[in-house]
Amino acid sequence: MAVISFTKVDLPYGWLGNMTPASVTYMGKEFKTSEALFQALRFEDENIRECIRTEPSPMGAKMKAKKHKESFVVEPMSEKDIENMRFCLRLKFLNPVLREKLLRTGCHDIYEDIGSRRGVRHEFWGAYKKMNNDGKIEWVGKNTMGKLLMEIRNEFYDTQTTDLP
């Protein structure tokens, strides 16, 4: 099976990641990236959410969230966190250009390539390549982000199919 992997926004397929500059609207407010909305959804405090929302960069939004982690109401990597990520990605891919690009990935497996980064959080959302004993490349990690992207892509395919006359 052919594989599509992504890392940074400015590299091939980087648009798949949450850091890509594609705004999303939630409850009448525009967030500069799906990453900013994802981070904001971990809080109930509207002041913290607004602080994250108005941050100019997606990494800045992530750092603001980390600064307030004692106020999280959604545990990172929990089922609710995954549900929030799914929601944010669905909003992001309402953008017709991004949706079309996602559909063009076909039936390829999608991986968020965490490269040399290690740790529970990285290996939860992404995966890294490793040579197995047979000399073949295998992906190590849960790759939750890649799985969500493939799930959403399949939803779009299903919608296209059912909308046909």
N, C-alpha and C. Protein backbone atom coordinates (compact mmCIF):
# COMPACT_ATOMS: atom_id res chain seq x y z
N MET A 1 0.85 -1.18 0.00
CA MET A 1 0.00 0.00 0.00
C MET A 1 0.89 1.24 0.00
N ALA A 2 0.59 2.15 -0.90
CA ALA A 2 1.34 3.41 -0.96
C ALA A 2 1.01 4.26 0.27
N VAL A 3 1.99 5.02 0.70
CA VAL A 3 1.87 5.81 1.92
C VAL A 3 2.11 7.29 1.61
N ILE A 4 1.31 8.12 2.23
CA ILE A 4 1.52 9.56 2.21
C ILE A 4 1.86 9.95 3.64
N SER A 5 2.97 10.67 3.79
CA SER A 5 3.33 11.14 5.12
C SER A 5 3.54 12.65 5.06
N PHE A 6 3.33 13.29 6.20
CA PHE A 6 3.50 14.74 6.25
C PHE A 6 4.21 15.11 7.55
N THR A 7 4.93 16.22 7.46
CA THR A 7 5.61 16.75 8.64
C THR A 7 5.29 18.24 8.73
N LYS A 8 6.14 19.07 8.19
CA LYS A 8 6.00 20.52 8.31
C LYS A 8 5.10 21.08 7.20
N VAL A 9 4.48 22.21 7.50
CA VAL A 9 3.53 22.85 6.59
C VAL A 9 4.13 23.11 5.21
N ASP A 10 5.40 23.54 5.16
CA ASP A 10 5.99 23.92 3.89
C ASP A 10 6.58 22.74 3.10
N LEU A 11 6.41 21.53 3.60
CA LEU A 11 6.88 20.34 2.89
C LEU A 11 5.69 19.64 2.22
N PRO A 12 5.96 18.73 1.28
CA PRO A 12 4.84 18.05 0.61
C PRO A 12 3.85 17.46 1.63
N TYR A 13 2.61 17.64 1.33
CA TYR A 13 1.48 17.18 2.14
C TYR A 13 1.39 17.85 3.51
N GLY A 14 2.19 18.88 3.73
CA GLY A 14 2.14 19.61 5.00
C GLY A 14 0.78 20.22 5.28
N TRP A 15 0.01 20.47 4.23
CA TRP A 15 -1.34 21.03 4.37
C TRP A 15 -2.26 20.09 5.14
N LEU A 16 -1.89 18.82 5.29
CA LEU A 16 -2.70 17.88 6.06
C LEU A 16 -2.65 18.19 7.56
N GLY A 17 -1.59 18.80 8.01
CA GLY A 17 -1.40 19.06 9.44
C GLY A 17 -2.24 20.21 9.96
N ASN A 18 -2.34 20.28 11.26
CA ASN A 18 -3.14 21.31 11.94
C ASN A 18 -2.51 22.69 11.89
N MET A 19 -1.25 22.76 11.57
CA MET A 19 -0.55 24.05 11.58
C MET A 19 -0.75 24.82 10.27
N THR A 20 -1.33 24.19 9.27
CA THR A 20 -1.50 24.85 7.98
C THR A 20 -2.40 26.08 8.12
N PRO A 21 -2.04 27.17 7.44
CA PRO A 21 -2.81 28.41 7.59
C PRO A 21 -4.15 28.35 6.85
N ALA A 22 -5.10 27.69 7.44
CA ALA A 22 -6.46 27.59 6.90
C ALA A 22 -7.41 27.88 8.06
N SER A 23 -8.11 28.97 7.96
CA SER A 23 -8.97 29.37 9.09
C SER A 23 -10.20 28.48 9.19
N VAL A 24 -10.72 28.39 10.40
CA VAL A 24 -11.96 27.67 10.68
C VAL A 24 -12.82 28.58 11.56
N THR A 25 -14.13 28.42 11.43
CA THR A 25 -15.06 29.22 12.23
C THR A 25 -15.78 28.33 13.21
N TYR A 26 -15.80 28.77 14.45
CA TYR A 26 -16.47 28.03 15.52
C TYR A 26 -17.23 29.03 16.38
N MET A 27 -18.51 28.78 16.54
CA MET A 27 -19.38 29.63 17.34
C MET A 27 -19.25 31.11 16.94
N GLY A 28 -19.21 31.33 15.62
CA GLY A 28 -19.16 32.68 15.09
C GLY A 28 -17.81 33.36 15.16
N LYS A 29 -16.79 32.66 15.63
CA LYS A 29 -15.45 33.25 15.74
C LYS A 29 -14.49 32.53 14.81
N GLU A 30 -13.63 33.32 14.18
CA GLU A 30 -12.65 32.74 13.27
C GLU A 30 -11.36 32.41 14.02
N PHE A 31 -10.90 31.20 13.80
CA PHE A 31 -9.61 30.75 14.32
C PHE A 31 -8.67 30.63 13.13
N LYS A 32 -7.45 31.11 13.26
CA LYS A 32 -6.52 31.15 12.14
C LYS A 32 -6.14 29.76 11.62
N THR A 33 -6.19 28.77 12.52
CA THR A 33 -5.84 27.39 12.13
C THR A 33 -6.69 26.41 12.92
N SER A 34 -6.76 25.19 12.43
CA SER A 34 -7.46 24.15 13.19
C SER A 34 -6.70 23.83 14.47
N GLU A 35 -5.39 24.06 14.49
CA GLU A 35 -4.60 23.85 15.71
C GLU A 35 -5.06 24.80 16.81
N ALA A 36 -5.29 26.05 16.46
CA ALA A 36 -5.74 27.03 17.46
C ALA A 36 -7.09 26.62 18.05
N LEU A 37 -8.02 26.20 17.19
CA LEU A 37 -9.31 25.76 17.70
C LEU A 37 -9.16 24.50 18.55
N PHE A 38 -8.36 23.56 18.10
CA PHE A 38 -8.15 22.33 18.85
C PHE A 38 -7.63 22.63 20.25
N GLN A 39 -6.65 23.52 20.34
CA GLN A 39 -6.09 23.87 21.64
C GLN A 39 -7.14 24.59 22.50
N ALA A 40 -7.89 25.51 21.89
CA ALA A 40 -8.90 26.26 22.63
C ALA A 40 -9.99 25.35 23.20
N LEU A 41 -10.32 24.29 22.48
CA LEU A 41 -11.39 23.39 22.94
C LEU A 41 -11.01 22.59 24.19
N ARG A 42 -9.77 22.66 24.58
CA ARG A 42 -9.34 21.98 25.80
C ARG A 42 -9.71 22.78 27.05
N PHE A 43 -10.28 23.96 26.86
CA PHE A 43 -10.61 24.86 27.97
C PHE A 43 -12.08 25.26 27.95
N GLU A 44 -12.61 25.55 29.14
CA GLU A 44 -13.94 26.15 29.24
C GLU A 44 -13.83 27.65 29.43
N ASP A 45 -12.73 28.10 30.01
CA ASP A 45 -12.51 29.51 30.30
C ASP A 45 -12.45 30.30 28.99
N GLU A 46 -13.43 31.19 28.78
CA GLU A 46 -13.51 31.97 27.54
C GLU A 46 -12.32 32.91 27.37
N ASN A 47 -11.76 33.40 28.46
CA ASN A 47 -10.60 34.28 28.35
C ASN A 47 -9.39 33.53 27.80
N ILE A 48 -9.19 32.30 28.26
CA ILE A 48 -8.08 31.48 27.74
C ILE A 48 -8.34 31.14 26.29
N ARG A 49 -9.57 30.75 25.97
CA ARG A 49 -9.91 30.42 24.58
C ARG A 49 -9.62 31.61 23.66
N GLU A 50 -10.00 32.79 24.10
CA GLU A 50 -9.81 33.99 23.28
C GLU A 50 -8.32 34.31 23.15
N CYS A 51 -7.57 34.11 24.20
CA CYS A 51 -6.12 34.32 24.16
C CYS A 51 -5.48 33.40 23.12
N ILE A 52 -5.94 32.17 23.06
CA ILE A 52 -5.43 31.19 22.09
C ILE A 52 -5.90 31.58 20.69
N ARG A 53 -7.16 31.94 20.56
CA ARG A 53 -7.75 32.26 19.25
C ARG A 53 -7.03 33.43 18.59
N THR A 54 -6.65 34.43 19.36
CA THR A 54 -6.05 35.64 18.79
C THR A 54 -4.54 35.54 18.60
N GLU A 55 -3.96 34.45 19.01
CA GLU A 55 -2.52 34.26 18.83
C GLU A 55 -2.23 34.22 17.31
N PRO A 56 -1.21 34.97 16.85
CA PRO A 56 -0.95 35.05 15.40
C PRO A 56 -0.52 33.74 14.73
N SER A 57 0.19 32.89 15.45
CA SER A 57 0.70 31.66 14.82
C SER A 57 0.13 30.42 15.49
N PRO A 58 0.06 29.30 14.74
CA PRO A 58 -0.44 28.07 15.34
C PRO A 58 0.46 27.56 16.48
N MET A 59 1.77 27.72 16.33
CA MET A 59 2.67 27.30 17.39
C MET A 59 2.49 28.19 18.61
N GLY A 60 2.26 29.47 18.39
CA GLY A 60 1.98 30.38 19.50
C GLY A 60 0.72 29.98 20.23
N ALA A 61 -0.31 29.56 19.48
CA ALA A 61 -1.57 29.11 20.08
C ALA A 61 -1.32 27.87 20.94
N LYS A 62 -0.49 26.98 20.43
CA LYS A 62 -0.16 25.75 21.18
C LYS A 62 0.59 26.09 22.47
N MET A 63 1.52 27.03 22.37
CA MET A 63 2.30 27.43 23.55
C MET A 63 1.41 28.13 24.58
N LYS A 64 0.45 28.94 24.12
CA LYS A 64 -0.49 29.59 25.05
C LYS A 64 -1.29 28.52 25.80
N ALA A 65 -1.73 27.49 25.08
CA ALA A 65 -2.48 26.41 25.72
C ALA A 65 -1.62 25.71 26.76
N LYS A 66 -0.37 25.42 26.42
CA LYS A 66 0.54 24.77 27.37
C LYS A 66 0.73 25.62 28.61
N LYS A 67 0.79 26.93 28.42
CA LYS A 67 0.97 27.85 29.55
C LYS A 67 -0.18 27.73 30.55
N HIS A 68 -1.36 27.37 30.07
CA HIS A 68 -2.55 27.27 30.92
C HIS A 68 -3.00 25.82 31.15
N LYS A 69 -2.10 24.87 31.00
CA LYS A 69 -2.49 23.46 31.06
C LYS A 69 -3.15 23.05 32.37
N GLU A 70 -2.90 23.79 33.45
CA GLU A 70 -3.56 23.46 34.72
C GLU A 70 -5.07 23.72 34.64
N SER A 71 -5.52 24.44 33.62
CA SER A 71 -6.95 24.73 33.44
C SER A 71 -7.62 23.85 32.38
N PHE A 72 -6.89 22.86 31.86
CA PHE A 72 -7.50 21.94 30.89
C PHE A 72 -8.76 21.32 31.48
N VAL A 73 -9.80 21.25 30.69
CA VAL A 73 -10.98 20.47 31.07
C VAL A 73 -11.08 19.22 30.19
N VAL A 74 -10.26 19.20 29.14
CA VAL A 74 -10.16 18.02 28.27
C VAL A 74 -8.74 17.48 28.42
N GLU A 75 -8.66 16.25 28.85
CA GLU A 75 -7.36 15.59 29.05
C GLU A 75 -6.72 15.31 27.69
N PRO A 76 -5.46 15.77 27.47
CA PRO A 76 -4.80 15.45 26.21
C PRO A 76 -4.77 13.93 25.96
N MET A 77 -5.02 13.58 24.71
CA MET A 77 -5.00 12.20 24.21
C MET A 77 -6.17 11.36 24.72
N SER A 78 -7.17 11.99 25.32
CA SER A 78 -8.36 11.28 25.79
C SER A 78 -9.34 11.11 24.62
N GLU A 79 -10.39 10.36 24.86
CA GLU A 79 -11.42 10.19 23.83
C GLU A 79 -12.02 11.53 23.44
N LYS A 80 -12.24 12.42 24.41
CA LYS A 80 -12.78 13.75 24.11
C LYS A 80 -11.79 14.56 23.27
N ASP A 81 -10.51 14.42 23.54
CA ASP A 81 -9.48 15.12 22.77
C ASP A 81 -9.51 14.63 21.32
N ILE A 82 -9.64 13.34 21.13
CA ILE A 82 -9.72 12.78 19.78
C ILE A 82 -10.98 13.28 19.09
N GLU A 83 -12.09 13.29 19.82
CA GLU A 83 -13.35 13.79 19.26
C GLU A 83 -13.20 15.26 18.84
N ASN A 84 -12.52 16.05 19.66
CA ASN A 84 -12.28 17.45 19.31
C ASN A 84 -11.40 17.58 18.07
N MET A 85 -10.38 16.75 17.96
CA MET A 85 -9.50 16.79 16.79
C MET A 85 -10.32 16.44 15.54
N ARG A 86 -11.13 15.42 15.63
CA ARG A 86 -11.99 15.02 14.50
C ARG A 86 -12.86 16.20 14.08
N PHE A 87 -13.47 16.87 15.06
CA PHE A 87 -14.33 18.02 14.80
C PHE A 87 -13.55 19.13 14.10
N CYS A 88 -12.35 19.45 14.61
CA CYS A 88 -11.53 20.51 14.02
C CYS A 88 -11.12 20.17 12.59
N LEU A 89 -10.77 18.92 12.35
CA LEU A 89 -10.40 18.51 10.99
C LEU A 89 -11.60 18.58 10.04
N ARG A 90 -12.77 18.20 10.52
CA ARG A 90 -13.97 18.31 9.67
C ARG A 90 -14.20 19.76 9.28
N LEU A 91 -14.04 20.68 10.23
CA LEU A 91 -14.20 22.10 9.91
C LEU A 91 -13.15 22.55 8.91
N LYS A 92 -11.92 22.15 9.12
CA LYS A 92 -10.83 22.54 8.22
C LYS A 92 -11.11 22.08 6.80
N PHE A 93 -11.59 20.86 6.65
CA PHE A 93 -11.79 20.31 5.31
C PHE A 93 -13.14 20.67 4.71
N LEU A 94 -13.86 21.60 5.34
CA LEU A 94 -14.99 22.23 4.67
C LEU A 94 -14.48 23.17 3.58
N ASN A 95 -13.22 23.59 3.71
CA ASN A 95 -12.57 24.39 2.67
C ASN A 95 -12.51 23.53 1.41
N PRO A 96 -13.17 23.95 0.32
CA PRO A 96 -13.26 23.09 -0.88
C PRO A 96 -11.91 22.75 -1.50
N VAL A 97 -10.95 23.66 -1.44
CA VAL A 97 -9.63 23.37 -2.00
C VAL A 97 -8.94 22.27 -1.19
N LEU A 98 -8.98 22.40 0.13
CA LEU A 98 -8.35 21.38 0.98
C LEU A 98 -9.08 20.05 0.88
N ARG A 99 -10.42 20.10 0.82
CA ARG A 99 -11.19 18.86 0.69
C ARG A 99 -10.82 18.13 -0.59
N GLU A 100 -10.70 18.86 -1.69
CA GLU A 100 -10.32 18.24 -2.97
C GLU A 100 -8.92 17.63 -2.88
N LYS A 101 -8.01 18.33 -2.24
CA LYS A 101 -6.65 17.79 -2.08
C LYS A 101 -6.69 16.51 -1.24
N LEU A 102 -7.50 16.52 -0.18
CA LEU A 102 -7.62 15.32 0.65
C LEU A 102 -8.19 14.16 -0.17
N LEU A 103 -9.21 14.43 -0.95
CA LEU A 103 -9.80 13.38 -1.79
C LEU A 103 -8.79 12.83 -2.80
N ARG A 104 -7.90 13.69 -3.28
CA ARG A 104 -6.89 13.24 -4.25
C ARG A 104 -5.83 12.34 -3.62
N THR A 105 -5.83 12.21 -2.29
CA THR A 105 -4.89 11.26 -1.68
C THR A 105 -5.35 9.83 -1.91
N GLY A 106 -6.55 9.66 -2.49
CA GLY A 106 -7.04 8.34 -2.87
C GLY A 106 -7.20 7.41 -1.69
N CYS A 107 -6.69 6.21 -1.85
CA CYS A 107 -6.81 5.23 -0.77
C CYS A 107 -5.46 5.01 -0.08
N HIS A 108 -4.54 5.96 -0.27
CA HIS A 108 -3.22 5.85 0.37
C HIS A 108 -3.36 5.94 1.89
N ASP A 109 -2.53 5.20 2.58
CA ASP A 109 -2.44 5.37 4.03
C ASP A 109 -1.78 6.72 4.31
N ILE A 110 -2.25 7.41 5.34
CA ILE A 110 -1.71 8.72 5.70
C ILE A 110 -1.09 8.62 7.09
N TYR A 111 0.14 9.13 7.19
CA TYR A 111 0.85 9.13 8.47
C TYR A 111 1.36 10.53 8.78
N GLU A 112 1.18 10.94 10.03
CA GLU A 112 1.89 12.12 10.49
C GLU A 112 3.27 11.64 10.91
N ASP A 113 4.28 12.00 10.14
CA ASP A 113 5.65 11.54 10.37
C ASP A 113 6.29 12.40 11.45
N ILE A 114 6.52 11.80 12.61
CA ILE A 114 7.10 12.54 13.73
C ILE A 114 8.62 12.56 13.69
N GLY A 115 9.20 11.92 12.67
CA GLY A 115 10.65 11.94 12.49
C GLY A 115 11.39 11.46 13.71
N SER A 116 12.30 12.28 14.21
CA SER A 116 13.12 11.87 15.35
C SER A 116 12.48 12.20 16.69
N ARG A 117 11.33 12.87 16.68
CA ARG A 117 10.66 13.20 17.95
C ARG A 117 10.12 11.92 18.57
N ARG A 118 10.29 11.76 19.84
CA ARG A 118 9.78 10.59 20.55
C ARG A 118 9.01 11.06 21.76
N GLY A 119 8.25 10.16 22.29
CA GLY A 119 7.47 10.48 23.47
C GLY A 119 6.03 10.06 23.26
N VAL A 120 5.33 9.89 24.35
CA VAL A 120 3.96 9.39 24.32
C VAL A 120 3.07 10.27 23.44
N ARG A 121 3.17 11.58 23.59
CA ARG A 121 2.30 12.50 22.84
C ARG A 121 2.57 12.41 21.34
N HIS A 122 3.84 12.44 20.96
CA HIS A 122 4.18 12.37 19.54
C HIS A 122 3.74 11.04 18.94
N GLU A 123 4.02 9.95 19.65
CA GLU A 123 3.69 8.63 19.12
C GLU A 123 2.19 8.34 19.20
N PHE A 124 1.46 9.12 19.96
CA PHE A 124 0.00 9.00 19.98
C PHE A 124 -0.58 9.61 18.71
N TRP A 125 -0.18 10.84 18.38
CA TRP A 125 -0.75 11.54 17.22
C TRP A 125 -0.11 11.10 15.92
N GLY A 126 1.14 10.69 15.94
CA GLY A 126 1.85 10.34 14.71
C GLY A 126 2.58 9.02 14.82
N ALA A 127 3.56 8.86 13.94
CA ALA A 127 4.36 7.63 13.91
C ALA A 127 5.71 7.95 13.27
N TYR A 128 6.66 7.05 13.47
CA TYR A 128 7.96 7.20 12.83
C TYR A 128 8.31 5.91 12.10
N LYS A 129 9.17 6.07 11.09
CA LYS A 129 9.58 4.92 10.28
C LYS A 129 10.72 4.17 10.96
N LYS A 130 10.64 2.85 10.86
CA LYS A 130 11.68 2.00 11.44
C LYS A 130 11.85 0.80 10.51
N MET A 131 13.07 0.35 10.38
CA MET A 131 13.35 -0.84 9.57
C MET A 131 13.10 -2.07 10.43
N ASN A 132 12.23 -2.98 9.95
CA ASN A 132 11.98 -4.20 10.73
C ASN A 132 13.04 -5.26 10.42
N ASN A 133 12.94 -6.43 11.02
CA ASN A 133 13.94 -7.49 10.86
C ASN A 133 14.01 -8.03 9.44
N ASP A 134 12.94 -7.87 8.67
CA ASP A 134 12.92 -8.33 7.28
C ASP A 134 13.46 -7.28 6.32
N GLY A 135 13.93 -6.16 6.85
CA GLY A 135 14.45 -5.10 6.01
C GLY A 135 13.38 -4.21 5.40
N LYS A 136 12.17 -4.32 5.90
CA LYS A 136 11.07 -3.50 5.38
C LYS A 136 10.79 -2.36 6.36
N ILE A 137 10.33 -1.27 5.80
CA ILE A 137 9.97 -0.11 6.62
C ILE A 137 8.63 -0.37 7.28
N GLU A 138 8.55 -0.09 8.56
CA GLU A 138 7.27 -0.15 9.26
C GLU A 138 7.10 1.15 10.03
N TRP A 139 5.86 1.49 10.30
CA TRP A 139 5.54 2.71 11.05
C TRP A 139 5.26 2.34 12.49
N VAL A 140 5.89 3.06 13.41
CA VAL A 140 5.74 2.81 14.84
C VAL A 140 5.04 4.02 15.46
N GLY A 141 3.93 3.77 16.11
CA GLY A 141 3.14 4.82 16.74
C GLY A 141 1.67 4.61 16.43
N LYS A 142 0.81 5.26 17.19
CA LYS A 142 -0.64 5.10 16.99
C LYS A 142 -1.14 5.80 15.75
N ASN A 143 -0.49 6.88 15.35
CA ASN A 143 -0.88 7.64 14.17
C ASN A 143 -2.35 8.06 14.20
N THR A 144 -2.79 8.55 15.34
CA THR A 144 -4.18 8.97 15.49
C THR A 144 -4.55 10.05 14.49
N MET A 145 -3.66 10.99 14.24
CA MET A 145 -3.94 12.05 13.28
C MET A 145 -4.14 11.48 11.88
N GLY A 146 -3.26 10.62 11.47
CA GLY A 146 -3.40 10.00 10.14
C GLY A 146 -4.69 9.21 10.02
N LYS A 147 -5.05 8.48 11.05
CA LYS A 147 -6.29 7.71 11.03
C LYS A 147 -7.51 8.61 10.94
N LEU A 148 -7.49 9.74 11.65
CA LEU A 148 -8.61 10.68 11.57
C LEU A 148 -8.71 11.27 10.16
N LEU A 149 -7.59 11.61 9.57
CA LEU A 149 -7.61 12.15 8.21
C LEU A 149 -8.19 11.14 7.22
N MET A 150 -7.81 9.87 7.34
CA MET A 150 -8.34 8.84 6.45
C MET A 150 -9.83 8.63 6.70
N GLU A 151 -10.25 8.71 7.95
CA GLU A 151 -11.66 8.59 8.30
C GLU A 151 -12.48 9.71 7.65
N ILE A 152 -11.99 10.92 7.75
CA ILE A 152 -12.69 12.07 7.18
C ILE A 152 -12.70 11.98 5.66
N ARG A 153 -11.59 11.57 5.07
CA ARG A 153 -11.54 11.37 3.62
C ARG A 153 -12.60 10.37 3.19
N ASN A 154 -12.73 9.27 3.94
CA ASN A 154 -13.73 8.26 3.60
C ASN A 154 -15.15 8.80 3.74
N GLU A 155 -15.36 9.66 4.74
CA GLU A 155 -16.69 10.29 4.89
C GLU A 155 -17.01 11.13 3.66
N PHE A 156 -16.02 11.86 3.15
CA PHE A 156 -16.25 12.68 1.95
C PHE A 156 -16.55 11.78 0.75
N TYR A 157 -15.81 10.68 0.62
CA TYR A 157 -16.10 9.73 -0.47
C TYR A 157 -17.52 9.20 -0.36
N ASP A 158 -17.92 8.82 0.85
CA ASP A 158 -19.28 8.29 1.07
C ASP A 158 -20.33 9.34 0.72
N THR A 159 -20.08 10.58 1.08
CA THR A 159 -21.02 11.66 0.79
C THR A 159 -21.14 11.87 -0.71
N GLN A 160 -20.02 11.84 -1.41
CA GLN A 160 -20.04 12.01 -2.87
C GLN A 160 -20.84 10.90 -3.52
N THR A 161 -20.66 9.68 -3.04
CA THR A 161 -21.34 8.53 -3.62
C THR A 161 -22.84 8.60 -3.39
N THR A 162 -23.23 8.97 -2.17
CA THR A 162 -24.67 9.00 -1.85
C THR A 162 -25.37 10.21 -2.46
N ASP A 163 -24.60 11.23 -2.86
CA ASP A 163 -25.23 12.41 -3.46
C ASP A 163 -25.48 12.24 -4.96
N LEU A 164 -25.03 11.16 -5.54
CA LEU A 164 -25.24 10.93 -6.97
C LEU A 164 -26.72 10.63 -7.25
N PRO A 165 -27.23 11.09 -8.41
CA PRO A 165 -28.64 10.82 -8.72
C PRO A 165 -28.91 9.34 -8.98
